[in-house]
Amino acid sequence: MSYRVVLIDFDGTLADTRRSVVACMRRTLAERGFDMPDGEKIQEVIAAGLSLDQAVAVLVPQLTPDEISRCVETYRDNYPAIDAEHTQLFEGARETLAALEEAGMAVVILSNKGVRAIEATLARFETEVSAVIAAEPGAPMKPDPAVFHERVAPLFGVRPAGDYLMVGDTRADLAFANAVGIAACFARYGYGEASDCLGLSPDHVINTLGELAAIVCGPPAVTEEV
């Protein structure tokens, strides 16, 4: 493949954050005086790849915008300690990122998660990428195509759409790729509903993160014995 820029989602694609997200949301809602919804509703929210304020609004639909904002603040205050206890990178994450870098790829984390949480996790695992584009006040988020035009493309100048690959585990990731006309890779091991995501006709499907390098960089060269 001729991809030069790999856009990779964070939650459920690069990092296994499910336990952290559920634990932090449970604590946040308890502190704000609300009950945690049942597991099926939580799974739906995680699988959808929603932003934090959207997730809170779905889980507790009676909240006003101000109450949602306060829940978001509480969640972000609680998250660092919970993240440090529960979050892990998926197996093969470091090796995959190293292989992409060695092949000359730019690797950009493109996530609806808060930027501080992502940067803290990357620092904890001593992992570096070319850039992090994440949730910030007033900025567009996936699947809005404005994310690409306003936040991604300016980093790389004029490039053909074929240079880009979006790797993600939810409908938000794949719908974003379709909206801007770039290739998509569905991380089937992640949190999204497989039938829903496959219905968006991704160009590639990976069952483990370690499979990504072969798609982007090609198979390893075969060395013949002398």
C-alpha atoms as a PDB file:
ATOM      1  CA  MET A   1       0.000   0.000   0.000  1.00  0.00           C
ATOM      2  CA  SER A   2       1.070   3.594  -0.545  1.00  0.00           C
ATOM      3  CA  TYR A   3      -0.273   5.113   2.664  1.00  0.00           C
ATOM      4  CA  ARG A   4       1.906   7.838   4.135  1.00  0.00           C
ATOM      5  CA  VAL A   5      -0.244   9.121   7.031  1.00  0.00           C
ATOM      6  CA  VAL A   6      -1.893   6.681   9.449  1.00  0.00           C
ATOM      7  CA  LEU A   7      -4.693   8.152  11.552  1.00  0.00           C
ATOM      8  CA  ILE A   8      -5.311   5.824  14.471  1.00  0.00           C
ATOM      9  CA  ASP A   9      -8.066   5.952  17.050  1.00  0.00           C
ATOM     10  CA  PHE A  10      -7.108   5.633  20.724  1.00  0.00           C
ATOM     11  CA  ASP A  11      -9.813   3.965  22.860  1.00  0.00           C
ATOM     12  CA  GLY A  12     -10.384   0.435  21.626  1.00  0.00           C
ATOM     13  CA  THR A  13      -7.789   0.644  18.850  1.00  0.00           C
ATOM     14  CA  LEU A  14      -4.438   1.584  20.349  1.00  0.00           C
ATOM     15  CA  ALA A  15      -5.311   1.338  24.041  1.00  0.00           C
ATOM     16  CA  ASP A  16      -7.582  -0.953  26.033  1.00  0.00           C
ATOM     17  CA  THR A  17      -9.403   1.640  28.118  1.00  0.00           C
ATOM     18  CA  ARG A  18     -12.755  -0.051  28.662  1.00  0.00           C
ATOM     19  CA  ARG A  19     -12.242  -0.727  32.393  1.00  0.00           C
ATOM     20  CA  SER A  20     -10.989   2.807  32.950  1.00  0.00           C
ATOM     21  CA  VAL A  21     -13.899   4.404  31.119  1.00  0.00           C
ATOM     22  CA  VAL A  22     -16.541   2.325  32.923  1.00  0.00           C
ATOM     23  CA  ALA A  23     -14.958   2.795  36.359  1.00  0.00           C
ATOM     24  CA  CYS A  24     -14.538   6.535  35.869  1.00  0.00           C
ATOM     25  CA  MET A  25     -18.061   7.013  34.566  1.00  0.00           C
ATOM     26  CA  ARG A  26     -19.471   4.996  37.483  1.00  0.00           C
ATOM     27  CA  ARG A  27     -17.559   7.132  40.014  1.00  0.00           C
ATOM     28  CA  THR A  28     -18.446  10.367  38.247  1.00  0.00           C
ATOM     29  CA  LEU A  29     -22.166   9.696  38.143  1.00  0.00           C
ATOM     30  CA  ALA A  30     -22.161   8.516  41.768  1.00  0.00           C
ATOM     31  CA  GLU A  31     -20.422  11.711  42.863  1.00  0.00           C
ATOM     32  CA  ARG A  32     -22.969  13.758  40.924  1.00  0.00           C
ATOM     33  CA  GLY A  33     -25.845  11.805  42.516  1.00  0.00           C
ATOM     34  CA  PHE A  34     -26.886   9.622  39.582  1.00  0.00           C
ATOM     35  CA  ASP A  35     -27.138   5.868  39.177  1.00  0.00           C
ATOM     36  CA  MET A  36     -24.984   4.067  36.639  1.00  0.00           C
ATOM     37  CA  PRO A  37     -27.063   2.720  33.717  1.00  0.00           C
ATOM     38  CA  ASP A  38     -27.089  -0.997  32.957  1.00  0.00           C
ATOM     39  CA  GLY A  39     -24.208  -2.669  31.178  1.00  0.00           C
ATOM     40  CA  GLU A  40     -25.993  -2.858  27.823  1.00  0.00           C
ATOM     41  CA  LYS A  41     -26.432   0.918  27.660  1.00  0.00           C
ATOM     42  CA  ILE A  42     -22.790   1.483  28.622  1.00  0.00           C
ATOM     43  CA  GLN A  43     -21.662  -0.933  25.910  1.00  0.00           C
ATOM     44  CA  GLU A  44     -23.763   0.926  23.328  1.00  0.00           C
ATOM     45  CA  VAL A  45     -22.128   4.216  24.280  1.00  0.00           C
ATOM     46  CA  ILE A  46     -18.602   2.785  24.161  1.00  0.00           C
ATOM     47  CA  ALA A  47     -19.276   1.040  20.846  1.00  0.00           C
ATOM     48  CA  ALA A  48     -20.535   4.265  19.277  1.00  0.00           C
ATOM     49  CA  GLY A  49     -17.266   6.130  19.840  1.00  0.00           C
ATOM     50  CA  LEU A  50     -19.039   9.178  21.279  1.00  0.00           C
ATOM     51  CA  SER A  51     -17.333  12.192  22.780  1.00  0.00           C
ATOM     52  CA  LEU A  52     -17.461  12.470  26.573  1.00  0.00           C
ATOM     53  CA  ASP A  53     -20.248  15.052  26.709  1.00  0.00           C
ATOM     54  CA  GLN A  54     -22.290  13.037  24.199  1.00  0.00           C
ATOM     55  CA  ALA A  55     -21.776   9.882  26.258  1.00  0.00           C
ATOM     56  CA  VAL A  56     -22.954  11.566  29.459  1.00  0.00           C
ATOM     57  CA  ALA A  57     -26.019  12.943  27.658  1.00  0.00           C
ATOM     58  CA  VAL A  58     -26.962   9.457  26.439  1.00  0.00           C
ATOM     59  CA  LEU A  59     -26.352   7.743  29.779  1.00  0.00           C
ATOM     60  CA  VAL A  60     -28.289  10.348  31.796  1.00  0.00           C
ATOM     61  CA  PRO A  61     -30.682  11.949  29.299  1.00  0.00           C
ATOM     62  CA  GLN A  62     -32.435  14.126  31.870  1.00  0.00           C
ATOM     63  CA  LEU A  63     -29.351  16.268  32.464  1.00  0.00           C
ATOM     64  CA  THR A  64     -29.255  19.919  31.447  1.00  0.00           C
ATOM     65  CA  PRO A  65     -26.282  21.231  29.434  1.00  0.00           C
ATOM     66  CA  ASP A  66     -24.800  22.764  32.603  1.00  0.00           C
ATOM     67  CA  GLU A  67     -25.124  19.459  34.477  1.00  0.00           C
ATOM     68  CA  ILE A  68     -23.457  17.642  31.584  1.00  0.00           C
ATOM     69  CA  SER A  69     -20.572  20.109  31.719  1.00  0.00           C
ATOM     70  CA  ARG A  70     -20.144  19.528  35.448  1.00  0.00           C
ATOM     71  CA  CYS A  71     -20.138  15.755  34.922  1.00  0.00           C
ATOM     72  CA  VAL A  72     -17.487  16.150  32.228  1.00  0.00           C
ATOM     73  CA  GLU A  73     -15.317  18.182  34.606  1.00  0.00           C
ATOM     74  CA  THR A  74     -15.724  15.604  37.368  1.00  0.00           C
ATOM     75  CA  TYR A  75     -14.914  12.756  34.981  1.00  0.00           C
ATOM     76  CA  ARG A  76     -11.732  14.451  33.803  1.00  0.00           C
ATOM     77  CA  ASP A  77     -10.664  15.122  37.383  1.00  0.00           C
ATOM     78  CA  ASN A  78     -11.176  11.451  38.267  1.00  0.00           C
ATOM     79  CA  TYR A  79      -9.731   9.908  35.126  1.00  0.00           C
ATOM     80  CA  PRO A  80      -5.934  10.194  35.564  1.00  0.00           C
ATOM     81  CA  ALA A  81      -5.751   7.982  38.664  1.00  0.00           C
ATOM     82  CA  ILE A  82      -8.208   5.442  37.260  1.00  0.00           C
ATOM     83  CA  ASP A  83      -6.452   5.381  33.902  1.00  0.00           C
ATOM     84  CA  ALA A  84      -3.094   4.707  35.532  1.00  0.00           C
ATOM     85  CA  GLU A  85      -4.588   1.735  37.363  1.00  0.00           C
ATOM     86  CA  HIS A  86      -6.514   0.073  34.545  1.00  0.00           C
ATOM     87  CA  THR A  87      -5.469   1.179  31.034  1.00  0.00           C
ATOM     88  CA  GLN A  88      -3.055  -0.879  28.955  1.00  0.00           C
ATOM     89  CA  LEU A  89      -1.871  -0.606  25.374  1.00  0.00           C
ATOM     90  CA  PHE A  90      -3.073  -3.436  23.181  1.00  0.00           C
ATOM     91  CA  GLU A  91      -0.558  -6.180  22.507  1.00  0.00           C
ATOM     92  CA  GLY A  92       1.780  -5.198  19.712  1.00  0.00           C
ATOM     93  CA  ALA A  93       1.137  -1.455  20.026  1.00  0.00           C
ATOM     94  CA  ARG A  94       4.739  -0.376  20.525  1.00  0.00           C
ATOM     95  CA  GLU A  95       6.074  -2.736  17.870  1.00  0.00           C
ATOM     96  CA  THR A  96       3.452  -1.602  15.364  1.00  0.00           C
ATOM     97  CA  LEU A  97       4.094   2.089  15.931  1.00  0.00           C
ATOM     98  CA  ALA A  98       7.843   1.499  15.639  1.00  0.00           C
ATOM     99  CA  ALA A  99       7.363  -0.377  12.353  1.00  0.00           C
ATOM    100  CA  LEU A 100       5.263   2.439  10.908  1.00  0.00           C
ATOM    101  CA  GLU A 101       7.808   5.031  11.958  1.00  0.00           C
ATOM    102  CA  GLU A 102      10.664   2.987  10.503  1.00  0.00           C
ATOM    103  CA  ALA A 103       8.750   2.788   7.220  1.00  0.00           C
ATOM    104  CA  GLY A 104       8.527   6.592   7.105  1.00  0.00           C
ATOM    105  CA  MET A 105       4.859   6.891   8.041  1.00  0.00           C
ATOM    106  CA  ALA A 106       3.405   9.777   9.997  1.00  0.00           C
ATOM    107  CA  VAL A 107       1.257   8.359  12.810  1.00  0.00           C
ATOM    108  CA  VAL A 108      -1.460  10.624  14.186  1.00  0.00           C
ATOM    109  CA  ILE A 109      -3.771   9.680  17.021  1.00  0.00           C
ATOM    110  CA  LEU A 110      -7.208  10.941  16.013  1.00  0.00           C
ATOM    111  CA  SER A 111      -9.616  10.536  18.897  1.00  0.00           C
ATOM    112  CA  ASN A 112     -12.771  11.928  20.475  1.00  0.00           C
ATOM    113  CA  LYS A 113     -11.106  11.442  23.864  1.00  0.00           C
ATOM    114  CA  GLY A 114      -9.627  14.367  25.785  1.00  0.00           C
ATOM    115  CA  VAL A 115      -6.118  15.293  24.699  1.00  0.00           C
ATOM    116  CA  ARG A 116      -4.687  15.389  28.227  1.00  0.00           C
ATOM    117  CA  ALA A 117      -5.794  11.835  28.967  1.00  0.00           C
ATOM    118  CA  ILE A 118      -4.218  10.535  25.763  1.00  0.00           C
ATOM    119  CA  GLU A 119      -0.941  12.365  26.291  1.00  0.00           C
ATOM    120  CA  ALA A 120      -0.738  11.119  29.875  1.00  0.00           C
ATOM    121  CA  THR A 121      -1.187   7.498  28.785  1.00  0.00           C
ATOM    122  CA  LEU A 122       1.378   7.827  26.002  1.00  0.00           C
ATOM    123  CA  ALA A 123       3.881   9.336  28.428  1.00  0.00           C
ATOM    124  CA  ARG A 124       3.265   6.564  30.953  1.00  0.00           C
ATOM    125  CA  PHE A 125       4.071   3.934  28.338  1.00  0.00           C
ATOM    126  CA  GLU A 126       6.917   5.998  26.865  1.00  0.00           C
ATOM    127  CA  THR A 127       5.251   5.944  23.463  1.00  0.00           C
ATOM    128  CA  GLU A 128       5.526   8.712  20.869  1.00  0.00           C
ATOM    129  CA  VAL A 129       3.517   9.557  17.756  1.00  0.00           C
ATOM    130  CA  SER A 130       3.745  12.324  15.169  1.00  0.00           C
ATOM    131  CA  ALA A 131       0.730  14.223  16.538  1.00  0.00           C
ATOM    132  CA  VAL A 132      -2.334  13.913  18.756  1.00  0.00           C
ATOM    133  CA  ILE A 133      -5.641  15.352  17.547  1.00  0.00           C
ATOM    134  CA  ALA A 134      -8.285  14.905  20.217  1.00  0.00           C
ATOM    135  CA  ALA A 135     -11.284  16.503  21.890  1.00  0.00           C
ATOM    136  CA  GLU A 136     -10.893  20.204  22.541  1.00  0.00           C
ATOM    137  CA  PRO A 137     -13.559  22.835  23.288  1.00  0.00           C
ATOM    138  CA  GLY A 138     -15.210  24.063  20.105  1.00  0.00           C
ATOM    139  CA  ALA A 139     -13.236  21.766  17.805  1.00  0.00           C
ATOM    140  CA  PRO A 140     -15.001  19.345  15.433  1.00  0.00           C
ATOM    141  CA  MET A 141     -14.784  15.633  16.213  1.00  0.00           C
ATOM    142  CA  LYS A 142     -15.312  12.382  14.334  1.00  0.00           C
ATOM    143  CA  PRO A 143     -17.323  11.620  12.262  1.00  0.00           C
ATOM    144  CA  ASP A 144     -17.561  15.286  11.234  1.00  0.00           C
ATOM    145  CA  PRO A 145     -15.488  15.665   8.020  1.00  0.00           C
ATOM    146  CA  ALA A 146     -14.395  19.088   9.271  1.00  0.00           C
ATOM    147  CA  VAL A 147     -11.966  17.194  11.519  1.00  0.00           C
ATOM    148  CA  PHE A 148     -10.002  16.273   8.427  1.00  0.00           C
ATOM    149  CA  HIS A 149     -10.188  19.583   6.622  1.00  0.00           C
ATOM    150  CA  GLU A 150      -9.589  21.812   9.653  1.00  0.00           C
ATOM    151  CA  ARG A 151      -7.386  19.688  11.914  1.00  0.00           C
ATOM    152  CA  VAL A 152      -5.632  16.938   9.940  1.00  0.00           C
ATOM    153  CA  ALA A 153      -4.910  18.255   6.448  1.00  0.00           C
ATOM    154  CA  PRO A 154      -3.242  21.486   7.653  1.00  0.00           C
ATOM    155  CA  LEU A 155      -0.532  19.377   9.324  1.00  0.00           C
ATOM    156  CA  PHE A 156       0.525  17.779   6.054  1.00  0.00           C
ATOM    157  CA  GLY A 157      -0.211  20.277   3.292  1.00  0.00           C
ATOM    158  CA  VAL A 158      -1.666  19.261  -0.050  1.00  0.00           C
ATOM    159  CA  ARG A 159      -1.716  15.477  -0.305  1.00  0.00           C
ATOM    160  CA  PRO A 160      -3.833  12.999  -2.279  1.00  0.00           C
ATOM    161  CA  ALA A 161      -6.549  11.222  -0.329  1.00  0.00           C
ATOM    162  CA  GLY A 162      -4.765   7.955  -1.067  1.00  0.00           C
ATOM    163  CA  ASP A 163      -1.973   8.933   1.300  1.00  0.00           C
ATOM    164  CA  TYR A 164      -4.269   8.570   4.326  1.00  0.00           C
ATOM    165  CA  LEU A 165      -5.541   5.556   6.244  1.00  0.00           C
ATOM    166  CA  MET A 166      -7.976   5.790   9.172  1.00  0.00           C
ATOM    167  CA  VAL A 167      -7.709   2.918  11.658  1.00  0.00           C
ATOM    168  CA  GLY A 168     -10.486   2.585  14.209  1.00  0.00           C
ATOM    169  CA  ASP A 169     -12.897   0.287  15.993  1.00  0.00           C
ATOM    170  CA  THR A 170     -16.194   2.187  15.901  1.00  0.00           C
ATOM    171  CA  ARG A 171     -18.722   3.542  13.457  1.00  0.00           C
ATOM    172  CA  ALA A 172     -17.504   7.076  14.158  1.00  0.00           C
ATOM    173  CA  ASP A 173     -14.047   6.208  12.788  1.00  0.00           C
ATOM    174  CA  LEU A 174     -15.257   4.458   9.654  1.00  0.00           C
ATOM    175  CA  ALA A 175     -18.013   6.975   8.890  1.00  0.00           C
ATOM    176  CA  PHE A 176     -15.428   9.742   9.189  1.00  0.00           C
ATOM    177  CA  ALA A 177     -13.151   8.014   6.676  1.00  0.00           C
ATOM    178  CA  ASN A 178     -16.034   7.517   4.256  1.00  0.00           C
ATOM    179  CA  ALA A 179     -17.121  11.141   4.606  1.00  0.00           C
ATOM    180  CA  VAL A 180     -13.711  12.497   3.594  1.00  0.00           C
ATOM    181  CA  GLY A 181     -12.908   9.840   0.999  1.00  0.00           C
ATOM    182  CA  ILE A 182      -9.929   8.161   2.622  1.00  0.00           C
ATOM    183  CA  ALA A 183      -9.240   4.470   3.225  1.00  0.00           C
ATOM    184  CA  ALA A 184     -10.479   2.848   6.416  1.00  0.00           C
ATOM    185  CA  CYS A 185      -9.280  -0.095   8.482  1.00  0.00           C
ATOM    186  CA  PHE A 186     -11.677  -1.668  10.989  1.00  0.00           C
ATOM    187  CA  ALA A 187     -10.032  -2.846  14.223  1.00  0.00           C
ATOM    188  CA  ARG A 188     -12.310  -5.787  14.832  1.00  0.00           C
ATOM    189  CA  TYR A 189     -10.785  -6.561  18.250  1.00  0.00           C
ATOM    190  CA  GLY A 190     -12.015  -3.235  19.637  1.00  0.00           C
ATOM    191  CA  TYR A 191     -15.288  -1.997  21.073  1.00  0.00           C
ATOM    192  CA  GLY A 192     -17.482  -1.360  18.033  1.00  0.00           C
ATOM    193  CA  GLU A 193     -20.339  -3.540  16.850  1.00  0.00           C
ATOM    194  CA  ALA A 194     -18.802  -5.665  14.089  1.00  0.00           C
ATOM    195  CA  SER A 195     -21.898  -5.958  11.896  1.00  0.00           C
ATOM    196  CA  ASP A 196     -22.477  -2.208  12.043  1.00  0.00           C
ATOM    197  CA  CYS A 197     -18.863  -1.365  11.237  1.00  0.00           C
ATOM    198  CA  LEU A 198     -18.507  -3.950   8.471  1.00  0.00           C
ATOM    199  CA  GLY A 199     -21.644  -2.487   6.918  1.00  0.00           C
ATOM    200  CA  LEU A 200     -19.598   0.644   6.198  1.00  0.00           C
ATOM    201  CA  SER A 201     -17.349  -1.408   3.874  1.00  0.00           C
ATOM    202  CA  PRO A 202     -13.900  -0.711   5.346  1.00  0.00           C
ATOM    203  CA  ASP A 203     -10.963  -1.290   2.992  1.00  0.00           C
ATOM    204  CA  HIS A 204      -9.175  -3.465   5.553  1.00  0.00           C
ATOM    205  CA  VAL A 205     -10.072  -5.466   8.660  1.00  0.00           C
ATOM    206  CA  ILE A 206      -7.576  -6.412  11.364  1.00  0.00           C
ATOM    207  CA  ASN A 207      -8.179  -8.893  14.164  1.00  0.00           C
ATOM    208  CA  THR A 208      -5.149  -7.748  16.173  1.00  0.00           C
ATOM    209  CA  LEU A 209      -3.225  -4.501  16.204  1.00  0.00           C
ATOM    210  CA  GLY A 210      -0.113  -6.378  15.127  1.00  0.00           C
ATOM    211  CA  GLU A 211      -1.715  -7.026  11.717  1.00  0.00           C
ATOM    212  CA  LEU A 212      -1.680  -3.325  10.856  1.00  0.00           C
ATOM    213  CA  ALA A 213       2.015  -3.158   9.966  1.00  0.00           C
ATOM    214  CA  ALA A 214       1.614  -5.765   7.225  1.00  0.00           C
ATOM    215  CA  ILE A 215      -1.184  -3.719   5.651  1.00  0.00           C
ATOM    216  CA  VAL A 216       0.645  -0.418   5.773  1.00  0.00           C
ATOM    217  CA  CYS A 217       4.244  -1.513   5.313  1.00  0.00           C
ATOM    218  CA  GLY A 218       3.776  -4.759   3.384  1.00  0.00           C
ATOM    219  CA  PRO A 219       4.973  -8.209   4.433  1.00  0.00           C
ATOM    220  CA  PRO A 220       8.514  -8.524   5.795  1.00  0.00           C
ATOM    221  CA  ALA A 221      11.176  -9.253   3.259  1.00  0.00           C
ATOM    222  CA  VAL A 222      12.196 -12.898   2.868  1.00  0.00           C
ATOM    223  CA  THR A 223      15.901 -13.461   3.394  1.00  0.00           C
ATOM    224  CA  GLU A 224      17.308 -16.430   1.540  1.00  0.00           C
ATOM    225  CA  GLU A 225      19.964 -18.495   3.179  1.00  0.00           C
ATOM    226  CA  VAL A 226      23.315 -18.463   1.435  1.00  0.00           C
END
